[in-house]
């Protein structure tokens, strides 16, 4: 009369379906599977000490894959120099620097 009895497992599945609903149950199962997979990988990495962990899609992490040189960003544009005041206009106020 343990939990592994098929009738008990069906009952637990029905209760989970009623509580979580049909939309959230697959997401919960996926998250649980990912958590178990990460746990097993971390245990095996801890024992081996040199095995690189895999990303959730099963490929090596991005740092281990060769990549092209990052694109260089253009320098930010310089502010335009102040325009000289026209005769008859007031000069702009001086900016206070802290």
C-alpha atoms as a PDB file:
ATOM      1  CA  UNK A   1       0.000   0.000   0.000  1.00  0.00           C
ATOM      2  CA  UNK A   2       2.706   2.461  -0.959  1.00  0.00           C
ATOM      3  CA  UNK A   3       2.613   5.558  -3.109  1.00  0.00           C
ATOM      4  CA  UNK A   4       3.768   3.552  -6.133  1.00  0.00           C
ATOM      5  CA  UNK A   5       0.366   1.863  -6.410  1.00  0.00           C
ATOM      6  CA  UNK A   6      -1.151   2.887  -9.801  1.00  0.00           C
ATOM      7  CA  UNK A   7      -4.480   3.842  -8.219  1.00  0.00           C
ATOM      8  CA  UNK A   8      -2.718   6.211  -5.819  1.00  0.00           C
ATOM      9  CA  UNK A   9      -0.733   7.790  -8.650  1.00  0.00           C
ATOM     10  CA  UNK A  10      -3.905   8.329 -10.707  1.00  0.00           C
ATOM     11  CA  UNK A  11      -5.589   9.916  -7.701  1.00  0.00           C
ATOM     12  CA  UNK A  12      -2.641  12.271  -7.138  1.00  0.00           C
ATOM     13  CA  UNK A  13      -2.649  13.198 -10.835  1.00  0.00           C
ATOM     14  CA  UNK A  14      -6.378  13.993 -10.734  1.00  0.00           C
ATOM     15  CA  UNK A  15      -5.967  16.165  -7.633  1.00  0.00           C
ATOM     16  CA  UNK A  16      -3.037  18.024  -9.227  1.00  0.00           C
ATOM     17  CA  UNK A  17      -5.107  18.614 -12.367  1.00  0.00           C
ATOM     18  CA  UNK A  18      -7.996  19.991 -10.312  1.00  0.00           C
ATOM     19  CA  UNK A  19      -5.789  22.234  -8.178  1.00  0.00           C
ATOM     20  CA  UNK A  20      -3.458  23.579 -10.884  1.00  0.00           C
ATOM     21  CA  UNK A  21      -5.678  23.405 -13.945  1.00  0.00           C
ATOM     22  CA  UNK A  22      -4.869  22.108 -17.412  1.00  0.00           C
ATOM     23  CA  UNK A  23      -2.959  25.251 -18.444  1.00  0.00           C
ATOM     24  CA  UNK A  24      -0.436  25.379 -15.588  1.00  0.00           C
ATOM     25  CA  UNK A  25       0.189  21.642 -15.148  1.00  0.00           C
ATOM     26  CA  UNK A  26       2.473  21.243 -18.230  1.00  0.00           C
ATOM     27  CA  UNK A  27       4.487  24.313 -17.205  1.00  0.00           C
ATOM     28  CA  UNK A  28       4.932  22.884 -13.731  1.00  0.00           C
ATOM     29  CA  UNK A  29       6.071  19.525 -15.125  1.00  0.00           C
ATOM     30  CA  UNK A  30       8.560  21.254 -17.448  1.00  0.00           C
ATOM     31  CA  UNK A  31       9.977  23.361 -14.611  1.00  0.00           C
ATOM     32  CA  UNK A  32      10.274  20.288 -12.394  1.00  0.00           C
ATOM     33  CA  UNK A  33      12.093  18.376 -15.148  1.00  0.00           C
ATOM     34  CA  UNK A  34      14.512  21.267 -15.724  1.00  0.00           C
ATOM     35  CA  UNK A  35      15.184  21.505 -12.003  1.00  0.00           C
ATOM     36  CA  UNK A  36      15.938  17.786 -11.744  1.00  0.00           C
ATOM     37  CA  UNK A  37      18.225  17.973 -14.800  1.00  0.00           C
ATOM     38  CA  UNK A  38      20.164  20.928 -13.350  1.00  0.00           C
ATOM     39  CA  UNK A  39      20.474  19.140 -10.023  1.00  0.00           C
ATOM     40  CA  UNK A  40      21.901  16.021 -11.655  1.00  0.00           C
ATOM     41  CA  UNK A  41      24.341  18.110 -13.722  1.00  0.00           C
ATOM     42  CA  UNK A  42      25.545  19.982 -10.648  1.00  0.00           C
ATOM     43  CA  UNK A  43      26.062  16.700  -8.787  1.00  0.00           C
ATOM     44  CA  UNK A  44      28.059  15.234 -11.687  1.00  0.00           C
ATOM     45  CA  UNK A  45      30.124  18.430 -12.028  1.00  0.00           C
ATOM     46  CA  UNK A  46      30.842  18.338  -8.308  1.00  0.00           C
ATOM     47  CA  UNK A  47      32.106  14.751  -8.564  1.00  0.00           C
ATOM     48  CA  UNK A  48      34.105  15.180 -11.779  1.00  0.00           C
ATOM     49  CA  UNK A  49      35.315  18.708 -11.172  1.00  0.00           C
ATOM     50  CA  UNK A  50      36.110  19.319 -14.836  1.00  0.00           C
ATOM     51  CA  UNK A  51      32.931  18.580 -16.789  1.00  0.00           C
ATOM     52  CA  UNK A  52      31.391  21.785 -18.180  1.00  0.00           C
ATOM     53  CA  UNK A  53      27.674  22.234 -17.429  1.00  0.00           C
ATOM     54  CA  UNK A  54      25.243  22.290 -20.320  1.00  0.00           C
ATOM     55  CA  UNK A  55      22.691  24.968 -20.992  1.00  0.00           C
ATOM     56  CA  UNK A  56      18.978  24.065 -20.699  1.00  0.00           C
ATOM     57  CA  UNK A  57      18.786  23.286 -24.442  1.00  0.00           C
ATOM     58  CA  UNK A  58      21.643  20.756 -24.152  1.00  0.00           C
ATOM     59  CA  UNK A  59      24.370  22.774 -25.890  1.00  0.00           C
ATOM     60  CA  UNK A  60      27.595  24.012 -24.283  1.00  0.00           C
ATOM     61  CA  UNK A  61      27.391  27.443 -22.636  1.00  0.00           C
ATOM     62  CA  UNK A  62      28.053  30.470 -24.833  1.00  0.00           C
ATOM     63  CA  UNK A  63      31.406  31.186 -23.156  1.00  0.00           C
ATOM     64  CA  UNK A  64      32.767  27.824 -24.317  1.00  0.00           C
ATOM     65  CA  UNK A  65      31.743  28.327 -27.948  1.00  0.00           C
ATOM     66  CA  UNK A  66      34.062  30.359 -30.203  1.00  0.00           C
ATOM     67  CA  UNK A  67      32.564  33.652 -31.186  1.00  0.00           C
ATOM     68  CA  UNK A  68      33.459  36.389 -33.629  1.00  0.00           C
ATOM     69  CA  UNK A  69      34.961  39.618 -32.368  1.00  0.00           C
ATOM     70  CA  UNK A  70      32.329  41.889 -30.838  1.00  0.00           C
ATOM     71  CA  UNK A  71      31.318  44.775 -33.055  1.00  0.00           C
ATOM     72  CA  UNK A  72      32.919  48.049 -32.141  1.00  0.00           C
ATOM     73  CA  UNK A  73      30.519  50.764 -31.143  1.00  0.00           C
ATOM     74  CA  UNK A  74      30.813  54.209 -32.662  1.00  0.00           C
ATOM     75  CA  UNK A  75      31.786  56.921 -30.179  1.00  0.00           C
ATOM     76  CA  UNK A  76      28.867  59.000 -28.925  1.00  0.00           C
ATOM     77  CA  UNK A  77      28.265  62.202 -30.878  1.00  0.00           C
ATOM     78  CA  UNK A  78      29.878  65.333 -29.476  1.00  0.00           C
ATOM     79  CA  UNK A  79      27.583  68.184 -28.421  1.00  0.00           C
ATOM     80  CA  UNK A  80      27.472  71.122 -30.788  1.00  0.00           C
ATOM     81  CA  UNK A  81      29.583  74.136 -29.765  1.00  0.00           C
ATOM     82  CA  UNK A  82      27.632  77.097 -28.434  1.00  0.00           C
ATOM     83  CA  UNK A  83      26.555  79.610 -31.062  1.00  0.00           C
ATOM     84  CA  UNK A  84      27.890  83.170 -30.690  1.00  0.00           C
ATOM     85  CA  UNK A  85      25.289  85.667 -29.589  1.00  0.00           C
ATOM     86  CA  UNK A  86      23.856  87.959 -32.247  1.00  0.00           C
ATOM     87  CA  UNK A  87      24.038  91.698 -31.655  1.00  0.00           C
ATOM     88  CA  UNK A  88      21.056  92.769 -29.570  1.00  0.00           C
ATOM     89  CA  UNK A  89      20.552  89.300 -27.987  1.00  0.00           C
ATOM     90  CA  UNK A  90      21.350  88.378 -24.445  1.00  0.00           C
ATOM     91  CA  UNK A  91      24.105  85.800 -24.027  1.00  0.00           C
ATOM     92  CA  UNK A  92      22.950  82.432 -22.708  1.00  0.00           C
ATOM     93  CA  UNK A  93      23.342  81.923 -18.967  1.00  0.00           C
ATOM     94  CA  UNK A  94      26.569  80.280 -17.843  1.00  0.00           C
ATOM     95  CA  UNK A  95      26.206  76.697 -16.699  1.00  0.00           C
ATOM     96  CA  UNK A  96      27.119  76.098 -13.087  1.00  0.00           C
ATOM     97  CA  UNK A  97      29.580  73.274 -12.558  1.00  0.00           C
ATOM     98  CA  UNK A  98      29.638  71.410  -9.255  1.00  0.00           C
END
